[in-house]
PDB file of all heavy atoms in Angstrom:
ATOM      1  N   PRO A   1     -74.944  75.298  49.421  1.00  0.00           N
ATOM      2  CA  PRO A   1     -75.611  75.243  50.725  1.00  0.00           C
ATOM      3  C   PRO A   1     -74.817  75.896  51.819  1.00  0.00           C
ATOM      4  O   PRO A   1     -75.375  76.542  52.795  1.00  0.00           O
ATOM      5  CB  PRO A   1     -75.812  73.843  51.017  1.00  0.00           C
ATOM      6  CG  PRO A   1     -74.757  73.112  50.164  1.00  0.00           C
ATOM      7  CD  PRO A   1     -74.644  73.914  48.983  1.00  0.00           C
ATOM      8  N   THR A   2     -73.470  75.747  51.787  1.00  0.00           N
ATOM      9  CA  THR A   2     -72.634  76.355  52.834  1.00  0.00           C
ATOM     10  C   THR A   2     -72.761  77.826  52.863  1.00  0.00           C
ATOM     11  O   THR A   2     -72.934  78.541  53.892  1.00  0.00           O
ATOM     12  CB  THR A   2     -71.185  75.928  52.658  1.00  0.00           C
ATOM     13  OG1 THR A   2     -71.063  74.518  52.663  1.00  0.00           O
ATOM     14  CG2 THR A   2     -70.315  76.523  53.827  1.00  0.00           C
ATOM     15  N   GLU A   3     -72.628  78.466  51.707  1.00  0.00           N
ATOM     16  CA  GLU A   3     -72.729  79.951  51.542  1.00  0.00           C
ATOM     17  C   GLU A   3     -74.119  80.419  52.027  1.00  0.00           C
ATOM     18  O   GLU A   3     -74.202  81.380  52.760  1.00  0.00           O
ATOM     19  CB  GLU A   3     -72.421  80.391  50.134  1.00  0.00           C
ATOM     20  CG  GLU A   3     -72.250  81.843  49.937  1.00  0.00           C
ATOM     21  CD  GLU A   3     -71.837  82.180  48.505  1.00  0.00           C
ATOM     22  OE1 GLU A   3     -71.881  81.334  47.669  1.00  0.00           O
ATOM     23  OE2 GLU A   3     -71.599  83.414  48.325  1.00  0.00           O
ATOM     24  N   LYS A   4     -75.124  79.733  51.612  1.00  0.00           N
ATOM     25  CA  LYS A   4     -76.510  80.079  52.030  1.00  0.00           C
ATOM     26  C   LYS A   4     -76.674  79.966  53.524  1.00  0.00           C
ATOM     27  O   LYS A   4     -77.406  80.772  54.104  1.00  0.00           O
ATOM     28  CB  LYS A   4     -77.425  79.276  51.267  1.00  0.00           C
ATOM     29  CG  LYS A   4     -77.581  79.581  49.777  1.00  0.00           C
ATOM     30  CD  LYS A   4     -78.493  78.719  49.031  1.00  0.00           C
ATOM     31  CE  LYS A   4     -78.552  79.090  47.493  1.00  0.00           C
ATOM     32  NZ  LYS A   4     -79.415  78.179  46.751  1.00  0.00           N
ATOM     33  N   ASN A   5     -76.138  78.906  54.139  1.00  0.00           N
ATOM     34  CA  ASN A   5     -76.273  78.754  55.589  1.00  0.00           C
ATOM     35  C   ASN A   5     -75.513  79.850  56.279  1.00  0.00           C
ATOM     36  O   ASN A   5     -76.106  80.390  57.316  1.00  0.00           O
ATOM     37  CB  ASN A   5     -75.655  77.406  55.966  1.00  0.00           C
ATOM     38  CG  ASN A   5     -76.578  76.254  55.613  1.00  0.00           C
ATOM     39  OD1 ASN A   5     -77.761  76.397  55.529  1.00  0.00           O
ATOM     40  ND2 ASN A   5     -75.978  75.153  55.366  1.00  0.00           N
ATOM     41  N   ILE A   6     -74.432  80.361  55.784  1.00  0.00           N
ATOM     42  CA  ILE A   6     -73.654  81.439  56.455  1.00  0.00           C
ATOM     43  C   ILE A   6     -74.522  82.665  56.424  1.00  0.00           C
ATOM     44  O   ILE A   6     -74.702  83.388  57.417  1.00  0.00           O
ATOM     45  CB  ILE A   6     -72.322  81.650  55.802  1.00  0.00           C
ATOM     46  CG1 ILE A   6     -71.408  80.434  56.115  1.00  0.00           C
ATOM     47  CG2 ILE A   6     -71.690  82.867  56.264  1.00  0.00           C
ATOM     48  CD1 ILE A   6     -70.121  80.479  55.288  1.00  0.00           C
ATOM     49  N   PHE A   7     -75.084  82.970  55.224  1.00  0.00           N
ATOM     50  CA  PHE A   7     -75.892  84.162  55.167  1.00  0.00           C
ATOM     51  C   PHE A   7     -77.192  84.096  56.030  1.00  0.00           C
ATOM     52  O   PHE A   7     -77.673  85.076  56.634  1.00  0.00           O
ATOM     53  CB  PHE A   7     -76.250  84.554  53.746  1.00  0.00           C
ATOM     54  CG  PHE A   7     -75.236  85.305  53.010  1.00  0.00           C
ATOM     55  CD1 PHE A   7     -74.314  84.708  52.186  1.00  0.00           C
ATOM     56  CD2 PHE A   7     -75.170  86.717  53.133  1.00  0.00           C
ATOM     57  CE1 PHE A   7     -73.335  85.481  51.564  1.00  0.00           C
ATOM     58  CE2 PHE A   7     -74.229  87.461  52.518  1.00  0.00           C
ATOM     59  CZ  PHE A   7     -73.311  86.847  51.692  1.00  0.00           C
ATOM     60  N   THR A   8     -77.830  82.900  56.034  1.00  0.00           N
ATOM     61  CA  THR A   8     -79.022  82.690  56.849  1.00  0.00           C
ATOM     62  C   THR A   8     -78.742  82.937  58.452  1.00  0.00           C
ATOM     63  O   THR A   8     -79.481  83.594  59.061  1.00  0.00           O
ATOM     64  CB  THR A   8     -79.537  81.264  56.599  1.00  0.00           C
ATOM     65  OG1 THR A   8     -79.869  81.090  55.264  1.00  0.00           O
ATOM     66  CG2 THR A   8     -80.787  81.074  57.484  1.00  0.00           C
ATOM     67  N   LEU A   9     -77.661  82.323  58.837  1.00  0.00           N
ATOM     68  CA  LEU A   9     -77.280  82.511  60.273  1.00  0.00           C
ATOM     69  C   LEU A   9     -76.911  84.049  60.595  1.00  0.00           C
ATOM     70  O   LEU A   9     -77.222  84.548  61.649  1.00  0.00           O
ATOM     71  CB  LEU A   9     -76.127  81.586  60.575  1.00  0.00           C
ATOM     72  CG  LEU A   9     -76.441  80.078  60.584  1.00  0.00           C
ATOM     73  CD1 LEU A   9     -75.174  79.241  60.908  1.00  0.00           C
ATOM     74  CD2 LEU A   9     -77.528  79.788  61.610  1.00  0.00           C
ATOM     75  N   PHE A  10     -76.293  84.664  59.616  1.00  0.00           N
ATOM     76  CA  PHE A  10     -75.954  86.066  59.788  1.00  0.00           C
ATOM     77  C   PHE A  10     -77.208  86.880  59.962  1.00  0.00           C
ATOM     78  O   PHE A  10     -77.356  87.743  60.870  1.00  0.00           O
ATOM     79  CB  PHE A  10     -75.104  86.565  58.587  1.00  0.00           C
ATOM     80  CG  PHE A  10     -74.780  88.060  58.714  1.00  0.00           C
ATOM     81  CD1 PHE A  10     -73.685  88.419  59.519  1.00  0.00           C
ATOM     82  CD2 PHE A  10     -75.528  88.986  58.057  1.00  0.00           C
ATOM     83  CE1 PHE A  10     -73.399  89.883  59.565  1.00  0.00           C
ATOM     84  CE2 PHE A  10     -75.190  90.353  58.135  1.00  0.00           C
ATOM     85  CZ  PHE A  10     -74.174  90.722  58.830  1.00  0.00           C
ATOM     86  N   MET A  11     -78.175  86.699  59.072  1.00  0.00           N
ATOM     87  CA  MET A  11     -79.450  87.404  59.100  1.00  0.00           C
ATOM     88  C   MET A  11     -80.224  87.079  60.418  1.00  0.00           C
ATOM     89  O   MET A  11     -80.840  87.961  61.042  1.00  0.00           O
ATOM     90  CB  MET A  11     -80.313  87.101  57.939  1.00  0.00           C
ATOM     91  CG  MET A  11     -79.632  87.541  56.605  1.00  0.00           C
ATOM     92  SD  MET A  11     -79.460  89.379  56.487  1.00  0.00           S
ATOM     93  CE  MET A  11     -81.060  89.874  55.836  1.00  0.00           C
ATOM     94  N   VAL A  12     -80.152  85.822  60.826  1.00  0.00           N
ATOM     95  CA  VAL A  12     -80.838  85.396  62.084  1.00  0.00           C
ATOM     96  C   VAL A  12     -80.215  86.100  63.305  1.00  0.00           C
ATOM     97  O   VAL A  12     -80.929  86.642  64.186  1.00  0.00           O
ATOM     98  CB  VAL A  12     -80.773  83.897  62.245  1.00  0.00           C
ATOM     99  CG1 VAL A  12     -81.187  83.492  63.674  1.00  0.00           C
ATOM    100  CG2 VAL A  12     -81.734  83.212  61.193  1.00  0.00           C
ATOM    101  N   VAL A  13     -78.884  86.158  63.353  1.00  0.00           N
ATOM    102  CA  VAL A  13     -78.226  86.813  64.444  1.00  0.00           C
ATOM    103  C   VAL A  13     -78.544  88.288  64.558  1.00  0.00           C
ATOM    104  O   VAL A  13     -78.832  88.872  65.637  1.00  0.00           O
ATOM    105  CB  VAL A  13     -76.664  86.548  64.404  1.00  0.00           C
ATOM    106  CG1 VAL A  13     -75.951  87.418  65.439  1.00  0.00           C
ATOM    107  CG2 VAL A  13     -76.321  85.049  64.641  1.00  0.00           C
ATOM    108  N   THR A  14     -78.420  88.959  63.373  1.00  0.00           N
ATOM    109  CA  THR A  14     -78.788  90.413  63.372  1.00  0.00           C
ATOM    110  C   THR A  14     -80.263  90.680  63.761  1.00  0.00           C
ATOM    111  O   THR A  14     -80.508  91.695  64.431  1.00  0.00           O
ATOM    112  CB  THR A  14     -78.461  91.047  61.963  1.00  0.00           C
ATOM    113  OG1 THR A  14     -79.172  90.254  60.958  1.00  0.00           O
ATOM    114  CG2 THR A  14     -77.012  90.949  61.668  1.00  0.00           C
ATOM    115  N   ALA A  15     -81.146  89.789  63.328  1.00  0.00           N
ATOM    116  CA  ALA A  15     -82.492  89.988  63.775  1.00  0.00           C
ATOM    117  C   ALA A  15     -82.646  89.783  65.223  1.00  0.00           C
ATOM    118  O   ALA A  15     -83.414  90.522  65.858  1.00  0.00           O
ATOM    119  CB  ALA A  15     -83.428  88.954  63.023  1.00  0.00           C
ATOM    120  N   CYS A  16     -81.935  88.828  65.814  1.00  0.00           N
ATOM    121  CA  CYS A  16     -81.998  88.648  67.313  1.00  0.00           C
ATOM    122  C   CYS A  16     -81.464  89.877  68.061  1.00  0.00           C
ATOM    123  O   CYS A  16     -82.018  90.332  69.039  1.00  0.00           O
ATOM    124  CB  CYS A  16     -81.190  87.444  67.771  1.00  0.00           C
ATOM    125  SG  CYS A  16     -81.943  85.885  67.168  1.00  0.00           S
ATOM    126  N   VAL A  17     -80.383  90.475  67.548  1.00  0.00           N
ATOM    127  CA  VAL A  17     -79.787  91.710  68.159  1.00  0.00           C
ATOM    128  C   VAL A  17     -80.774  92.870  68.050  1.00  0.00           C
ATOM    129  O   VAL A  17     -80.976  93.582  68.962  1.00  0.00           O
ATOM    130  CB  VAL A  17     -78.444  92.083  67.401  1.00  0.00           C
ATOM    131  CG1 VAL A  17     -77.961  93.391  67.924  1.00  0.00           C
ATOM    132  CG2 VAL A  17     -77.393  90.942  67.685  1.00  0.00           C
ATOM    133  N   CYS A  18     -81.515  92.939  66.863  1.00  0.00           N
ATOM    134  CA  CYS A  18     -82.493  93.995  66.736  1.00  0.00           C
ATOM    135  C   CYS A  18     -83.665  93.759  67.694  1.00  0.00           C
ATOM    136  O   CYS A  18     -84.193  94.830  68.197  1.00  0.00           O
ATOM    137  CB  CYS A  18     -83.042  93.988  65.273  1.00  0.00           C
ATOM    138  SG  CYS A  18     -81.871  94.732  64.055  1.00  0.00           S
ATOM    139  N   ILE A  19     -84.053  92.602  67.936  1.00  0.00           N
ATOM    140  CA  ILE A  19     -85.165  92.290  68.930  1.00  0.00           C
ATOM    141  C   ILE A  19     -84.654  92.770  70.279  1.00  0.00           C
ATOM    142  O   ILE A  19     -85.442  93.442  71.069  1.00  0.00           O
ATOM    143  CB  ILE A  19     -85.430  90.815  68.948  1.00  0.00           C
ATOM    144  CG1 ILE A  19     -86.104  90.350  67.630  1.00  0.00           C
ATOM    145  CG2 ILE A  19     -86.408  90.504  70.125  1.00  0.00           C
ATOM    146  CD1 ILE A  19     -86.318  88.853  67.488  1.00  0.00           C
ATOM    147  N   VAL A  20     -83.441  92.453  70.695  1.00  0.00           N
ATOM    148  CA  VAL A  20     -82.925  92.897  71.977  1.00  0.00           C
ATOM    149  C   VAL A  20     -82.920  94.357  72.140  1.00  0.00           C
ATOM    150  O   VAL A  20     -83.284  94.899  73.200  1.00  0.00           O
ATOM    151  CB  VAL A  20     -81.556  92.280  72.272  1.00  0.00           C
ATOM    152  CG1 VAL A  20     -80.903  92.816  73.477  1.00  0.00           C
ATOM    153  CG2 VAL A  20     -81.696  90.695  72.361  1.00  0.00           C
ATOM    154  N   LEU A  21     -82.441  95.102  71.064  1.00  0.00           N
ATOM    155  CA  LEU A  21     -82.310  96.482  71.136  1.00  0.00           C
ATOM    156  C   LEU A  21     -83.792  97.075  71.196  1.00  0.00           C
ATOM    157  O   LEU A  21     -83.934  98.077  71.951  1.00  0.00           O
ATOM    158  CB  LEU A  21     -81.694  97.017  69.833  1.00  0.00           C
ATOM    159  CG  LEU A  21     -80.228  96.823  69.834  1.00  0.00           C
ATOM    160  CD1 LEU A  21     -79.624  97.275  68.406  1.00  0.00           C
ATOM    161  CD2 LEU A  21     -79.470  97.698  70.852  1.00  0.00           C
ATOM    162  N   SER A  22     -84.673  96.602  70.492  1.00  0.00           N
ATOM    163  CA  SER A  22     -86.048  97.121  70.580  1.00  0.00           C
ATOM    164  C   SER A  22     -86.696  96.967  72.002  1.00  0.00           C
ATOM    165  O   SER A  22     -87.320  97.866  72.532  1.00  0.00           O
ATOM    166  CB  SER A  22     -86.998  96.427  69.548  1.00  0.00           C
ATOM    167  OG  SER A  22     -86.632  96.777  68.274  1.00  0.00           O
ATOM    168  N   LEU A  23     -86.429  95.792  72.603  1.00  0.00           N
ATOM    169  CA  LEU A  23     -86.969  95.568  73.955  1.00  0.00           C
ATOM    170  C   LEU A  23     -86.260  96.490  74.952  1.00  0.00           C
ATOM    171  O   LEU A  23     -86.899  97.041  75.875  1.00  0.00           O
ATOM    172  CB  LEU A  23     -86.736  94.079  74.378  1.00  0.00           C
ATOM    173  CG  LEU A  23     -87.613  93.090  73.427  1.00  0.00           C
ATOM    174  CD1 LEU A  23     -87.265  91.673  73.940  1.00  0.00           C
ATOM    175  CD2 LEU A  23     -89.074  93.369  73.618  1.00  0.00           C
ATOM    176  N   ILE A  24     -84.911  96.617  74.776  1.00  0.00           N
ATOM    177  CA  ILE A  24     -84.198  97.527  75.683  1.00  0.00           C
ATOM    178  C   ILE A  24     -84.621  99.032  75.529  1.00  0.00           C
ATOM    179  O   ILE A  24     -84.889  99.667  76.520  1.00  0.00           O
ATOM    180  CB  ILE A  24     -82.670  97.453  75.425  1.00  0.00           C
ATOM    181  CG1 ILE A  24     -82.133  96.082  75.824  1.00  0.00           C
ATOM    182  CG2 ILE A  24     -81.934  98.625  76.119  1.00  0.00           C
ATOM    183  CD1 ILE A  24     -80.714  95.932  75.479  1.00  0.00           C
ATOM    184  N   GLU A  25     -84.916  99.398  74.340  1.00  0.00           N
ATOM    185  CA  GLU A  25     -85.417 100.734  74.061  1.00  0.00           C
ATOM    186  C   GLU A  25     -86.842 100.966  74.685  1.00  0.00           C
ATOM    187  O   GLU A  25     -87.190 101.994  75.210  1.00  0.00           O
ATOM    188  CB  GLU A  25     -85.438 101.034  72.576  1.00  0.00           C
ATOM    189  CG  GLU A  25     -85.737 102.531  72.311  1.00  0.00           C
ATOM    190  CD  GLU A  25     -85.683 102.834  70.791  1.00  0.00           C
ATOM    191  OE1 GLU A  25     -85.581 101.913  69.946  1.00  0.00           O
ATOM    192  OE2 GLU A  25     -85.806 104.022  70.438  1.00  0.00           O
ATOM    193  N   ALA A  26     -87.684  99.892  74.536  1.00  0.00           N
ATOM    194  CA  ALA A  26     -88.971  99.952  75.133  1.00  0.00           C
ATOM    195  C   ALA A  26     -88.940 100.146  76.670  1.00  0.00           C
ATOM    196  O   ALA A  26     -89.692 100.926  77.252  1.00  0.00           O
ATOM    197  CB  ALA A  26     -89.830  98.773  74.765  1.00  0.00           C
ATOM    198  N   ALA A  27     -88.030  99.293  77.269  1.00  0.00           N
ATOM    199  CA  ALA A  27     -87.917  99.401  78.705  1.00  0.00           C
ATOM    200  C   ALA A  27     -87.344 100.727  79.138  1.00  0.00           C
ATOM    201  O   ALA A  27     -87.745 101.392  80.128  1.00  0.00           O
ATOM    202  CB  ALA A  27     -86.912  98.283  79.254  1.00  0.00           C
ATOM    203  N   TYR A  28     -86.424 101.310  78.312  1.00  0.00           N
ATOM    204  CA  TYR A  28     -85.882 102.652  78.582  1.00  0.00           C
ATOM    205  C   TYR A  28     -87.000 103.714  78.479  1.00  0.00           C
ATOM    206  O   TYR A  28     -87.001 104.626  79.270  1.00  0.00           O
ATOM    207  CB  TYR A  28     -84.699 102.941  77.632  1.00  0.00           C
ATOM    208  CG  TYR A  28     -84.301 104.344  77.558  1.00  0.00           C
ATOM    209  CD1 TYR A  28     -83.459 104.848  78.552  1.00  0.00           C
ATOM    210  CD2 TYR A  28     -84.661 105.202  76.568  1.00  0.00           C
ATOM    211  CE1 TYR A  28     -83.007 106.188  78.529  1.00  0.00           C
ATOM    212  CE2 TYR A  28     -84.281 106.525  76.480  1.00  0.00           C
ATOM    213  CZ  TYR A  28     -83.450 107.041  77.479  1.00  0.00           C
ATOM    214  OH  TYR A  28     -82.976 108.264  77.473  1.00  0.00           O
ATOM    215  N   LEU A  29     -87.818 103.619  77.410  1.00  0.00           N
ATOM    216  CA  LEU A  29     -88.856 104.569  77.191  1.00  0.00           C
ATOM    217  C   LEU A  29     -89.867 104.564  78.338  1.00  0.00           C
ATOM    218  O   LEU A  29     -90.334 105.583  78.895  1.00  0.00           O
ATOM    219  CB  LEU A  29     -89.545 104.265  75.877  1.00  0.00           C
ATOM    220  CG  LEU A  29     -90.414 105.417  75.282  1.00  0.00           C
ATOM    221  CD1 LEU A  29     -89.548 106.535  74.872  1.00  0.00           C
ATOM    222  CD2 LEU A  29     -91.229 104.801  74.129  1.00  0.00           C
TER     223      LEU A  29
END
């Protein structure tokens, strides 16, 4: 469970960063 939790949180954080980048790019566009 510990290893799986680490990978889950990593994927969640990267997804959040991607959301922010997409919104910033939309505002820039």
